Amino acid sequence: MTAKLITTSAMLICMGLAAGGIAMKSEDILTRAGLVAAQVNIRQFETALDAYYIDHGSYPASYGAAAMVETLIKGRYIKENVLLNANDFIYQPENNGQDYTLEYNK
C-alpha cells in the first residue's frame, strides 16, 4: 500500500508540475515524493500506535523506530512487509508510555 501511495504521490506531483509549466529537477521531485511518503508512513504509524494504546493502555515501551516497528508487527498492528527504512524515523515513548515522539529523521 505504501509503494502505491509513493507512486501515486510522485505521479500527482509530476502531473501538477507539467500542467503548471514549472520546470523542476528530477531530484527535487524525488525529494518531495520522499517527504510525502514519510508523512504517509507517520500517519500509518500513528494509527497503529493508537490501536496499540487502546489495547494496552500505553504506547510501546521500545526505544527507536526499528524496535517500535518490530513491536507493531509482532502485535499485528502493521504488516511485516511494510516498505520503509526504520532508520528514517525517530520513535521515543514519553510519560511512562502515555505519549510518544515520532519524527521523520532526514
C-alpha atoms as a PDB file:
ATOM      1  CA  MET A   1       0.000   0.000   0.000  1.00  0.00           C
ATOM      2  CA  THR A   2       2.838   2.386   0.860  1.00  0.00           C
ATOM      3  CA  ALA A   3       4.514   1.733  -2.503  1.00  0.00           C
ATOM      4  CA  LYS A   4       1.267   2.592  -4.286  1.00  0.00           C
ATOM      5  CA  LEU A   5       0.973   5.818  -2.278  1.00  0.00           C
ATOM      6  CA  ILE A   6       4.543   6.777  -3.134  1.00  0.00           C
ATOM      7  CA  THR A   7       3.955   6.082  -6.818  1.00  0.00           C
ATOM      8  CA  THR A   8       0.639   7.933  -6.833  1.00  0.00           C
ATOM      9  CA  SER A   9       2.145  10.897  -4.980  1.00  0.00           C
ATOM     10  CA  ALA A  10       5.054  11.100  -7.399  1.00  0.00           C
ATOM     11  CA  MET A  11       2.703  10.920 -10.400  1.00  0.00           C
ATOM     12  CA  LEU A  12       0.448  13.664  -8.989  1.00  0.00           C
ATOM     13  CA  ILE A  13       3.417  15.915  -8.329  1.00  0.00           C
ATOM     14  CA  CYS A  14       4.741  15.353 -11.868  1.00  0.00           C
ATOM     15  CA  MET A  15       1.349  15.993 -13.457  1.00  0.00           C
ATOM     16  CA  GLY A  16       0.910  19.169 -11.428  1.00  0.00           C
ATOM     17  CA  LEU A  17       4.295  20.459 -12.475  1.00  0.00           C
ATOM     18  CA  ALA A  18       3.675  19.663 -16.138  1.00  0.00           C
ATOM     19  CA  ALA A  19       0.258  21.309 -16.104  1.00  0.00           C
ATOM     20  CA  GLY A  20       1.604  24.430 -14.428  1.00  0.00           C
ATOM     21  CA  GLY A  21       4.557  24.676 -16.763  1.00  0.00           C
ATOM     22  CA  ILE A  22       7.000  24.694 -13.853  1.00  0.00           C
ATOM     23  CA  ALA A  23      10.351  23.093 -14.530  1.00  0.00           C
ATOM     24  CA  MET A  24      11.993  21.295 -11.619  1.00  0.00           C
ATOM     25  CA  LYS A  25      14.917  18.970 -11.359  1.00  0.00           C
ATOM     26  CA  SER A  26      14.021  15.312 -11.059  1.00  0.00           C
ATOM     27  CA  GLU A  27      15.980  15.268  -7.790  1.00  0.00           C
ATOM     28  CA  ASP A  28      13.615  17.872  -6.346  1.00  0.00           C
ATOM     29  CA  ILE A  29      10.599  15.832  -7.412  1.00  0.00           C
ATOM     30  CA  LEU A  30      12.028  12.678  -5.840  1.00  0.00           C
ATOM     31  CA  THR A  31      12.863  14.549  -2.639  1.00  0.00           C
ATOM     32  CA  ARG A  32       9.308  15.898  -2.449  1.00  0.00           C
ATOM     33  CA  ALA A  33       7.851  12.451  -3.141  1.00  0.00           C
ATOM     34  CA  GLY A  34      10.058  11.023  -0.384  1.00  0.00           C
ATOM     35  CA  LEU A  35       8.744  13.615   2.065  1.00  0.00           C
ATOM     36  CA  VAL A  36       5.156  12.831   1.106  1.00  0.00           C
ATOM     37  CA  ALA A  37       5.832   9.121   1.607  1.00  0.00           C
ATOM     38  CA  ALA A  38       7.352   9.850   5.035  1.00  0.00           C
ATOM     39  CA  GLN A  39       4.242  11.807   6.029  1.00  0.00           C
ATOM     40  CA  VAL A  40       2.055   8.898   4.922  1.00  0.00           C
ATOM     41  CA  ASN A  41       4.199   6.451   6.908  1.00  0.00           C
ATOM     42  CA  ILE A  42       3.999   8.637  10.024  1.00  0.00           C
ATOM     43  CA  ARG A  43       0.179   8.752   9.715  1.00  0.00           C
ATOM     44  CA  GLN A  44       0.065   4.957   9.385  1.00  0.00           C
ATOM     45  CA  PHE A  45       2.342   4.576  12.414  1.00  0.00           C
ATOM     46  CA  GLU A  46       0.164   6.973  14.413  1.00  0.00           C
ATOM     47  CA  THR A  47      -2.921   4.911  13.585  1.00  0.00           C
ATOM     48  CA  ALA A  48      -1.164   1.660  14.563  1.00  0.00           C
ATOM     49  CA  LEU A  49       0.213   3.246  17.744  1.00  0.00           C
ATOM     50  CA  ASP A  50      -3.269   4.467  18.705  1.00  0.00           C
ATOM     51  CA  ALA A  51      -4.670   0.946  18.221  1.00  0.00           C
ATOM     52  CA  TYR A  52      -1.808  -0.429  20.348  1.00  0.00           C
ATOM     53  CA  TYR A  53      -2.597   2.150  23.045  1.00  0.00           C
ATOM     54  CA  ILE A  54      -6.275   1.178  23.085  1.00  0.00           C
ATOM     55  CA  ASP A  55      -5.350  -2.481  23.573  1.00  0.00           C
ATOM     56  CA  HIS A  56      -2.525  -1.994  26.126  1.00  0.00           C
ATOM     57  CA  GLY A  57      -3.213   1.317  27.890  1.00  0.00           C
ATOM     58  CA  SER A  58       0.178   2.685  26.855  1.00  0.00           C
ATOM     59  CA  TYR A  59       2.316   3.160  23.776  1.00  0.00           C
ATOM     60  CA  PRO A  60       5.125   0.654  23.052  1.00  0.00           C
ATOM     61  CA  ALA A  61       7.970   0.999  25.546  1.00  0.00           C
ATOM     62  CA  SER A  62      10.540   0.145  22.862  1.00  0.00           C
ATOM     63  CA  TYR A  63      13.039   2.884  22.108  1.00  0.00           C
ATOM     64  CA  GLY A  64      13.902   3.569  18.485  1.00  0.00           C
ATOM     65  CA  ALA A  65      11.841   3.211  15.352  1.00  0.00           C
ATOM     66  CA  ALA A  66      13.142  -0.273  14.485  1.00  0.00           C
ATOM     67  CA  ALA A  67      12.054  -1.631  17.876  1.00  0.00           C
ATOM     68  CA  MET A  68       8.707   0.171  17.616  1.00  0.00           C
ATOM     69  CA  VAL A  69       8.092  -1.295  14.152  1.00  0.00           C
ATOM     70  CA  GLU A  70       9.012  -4.777  15.420  1.00  0.00           C
ATOM     71  CA  THR A  71       6.573  -4.412  18.341  1.00  0.00           C
ATOM     72  CA  LEU A  72       3.785  -3.288  15.994  1.00  0.00           C
ATOM     73  CA  ILE A  73       4.480  -6.175  13.599  1.00  0.00           C
ATOM     74  CA  LYS A  74       4.503  -8.757  16.419  1.00  0.00           C
ATOM     75  CA  GLY A  75       1.187  -7.382  17.671  1.00  0.00           C
ATOM     76  CA  ARG A  76      -0.224  -7.438  14.136  1.00  0.00           C
ATOM     77  CA  TYR A  77      -0.834  -3.693  14.129  1.00  0.00           C
ATOM     78  CA  ILE A  78       1.124  -3.350  10.885  1.00  0.00           C
ATOM     79  CA  LYS A  79       2.111  -5.899   8.269  1.00  0.00           C
ATOM     80  CA  GLU A  80       5.590  -7.352   8.151  1.00  0.00           C
ATOM     81  CA  ASN A  81       6.103  -6.313   4.536  1.00  0.00           C
ATOM     82  CA  VAL A  82       5.881  -2.576   5.270  1.00  0.00           C
ATOM     83  CA  LEU A  83       8.195  -0.820   2.815  1.00  0.00           C
ATOM     84  CA  LEU A  84      10.243   1.614   4.838  1.00  0.00           C
ATOM     85  CA  ASN A  85      13.604   2.167   6.397  1.00  0.00           C
ATOM     86  CA  ALA A  86      13.092   2.410  10.162  1.00  0.00           C
ATOM     87  CA  ASN A  87      16.333   4.404  10.349  1.00  0.00           C
ATOM     88  CA  ASP A  88      14.450   7.241   8.648  1.00  0.00           C
ATOM     89  CA  PHE A  89      12.267   7.669  11.752  1.00  0.00           C
ATOM     90  CA  ILE A  90      12.754   8.524  15.405  1.00  0.00           C
ATOM     91  CA  TYR A  91      10.388   6.993  17.973  1.00  0.00           C
ATOM     92  CA  GLN A  92      10.574   7.554  21.703  1.00  0.00           C
ATOM     93  CA  PRO A  93       7.911   6.784  24.312  1.00  0.00           C
ATOM     94  CA  GLU A  94       7.289   9.530  26.879  1.00  0.00           C
ATOM     95  CA  ASN A  95       5.455   9.977  30.191  1.00  0.00           C
ATOM     96  CA  ASN A  96       5.534   6.269  31.076  1.00  0.00           C
ATOM     97  CA  GLY A  97       4.031   5.265  27.733  1.00  0.00           C
ATOM     98  CA  GLN A  98       1.211   7.804  27.802  1.00  0.00           C
ATOM     99  CA  ASP A  99       2.691   9.806  24.941  1.00  0.00           C
ATOM    100  CA  TYR A 100       5.424   9.486  22.314  1.00  0.00           C
ATOM    101  CA  THR A 101       7.600  11.362  19.861  1.00  0.00           C
ATOM    102  CA  LEU A 102       7.596  10.187  16.252  1.00  0.00           C
ATOM    103  CA  GLU A 103       9.546  12.147  13.658  1.00  0.00           C
ATOM    104  CA  TYR A 104      10.987  11.785  10.189  1.00  0.00           C
ATOM    105  CA  ASN A 105      14.773  11.776  10.506  1.00  0.00           C
ATOM    106  CA  LYS A 106      16.118  13.080   7.188  1.00  0.00           C
END
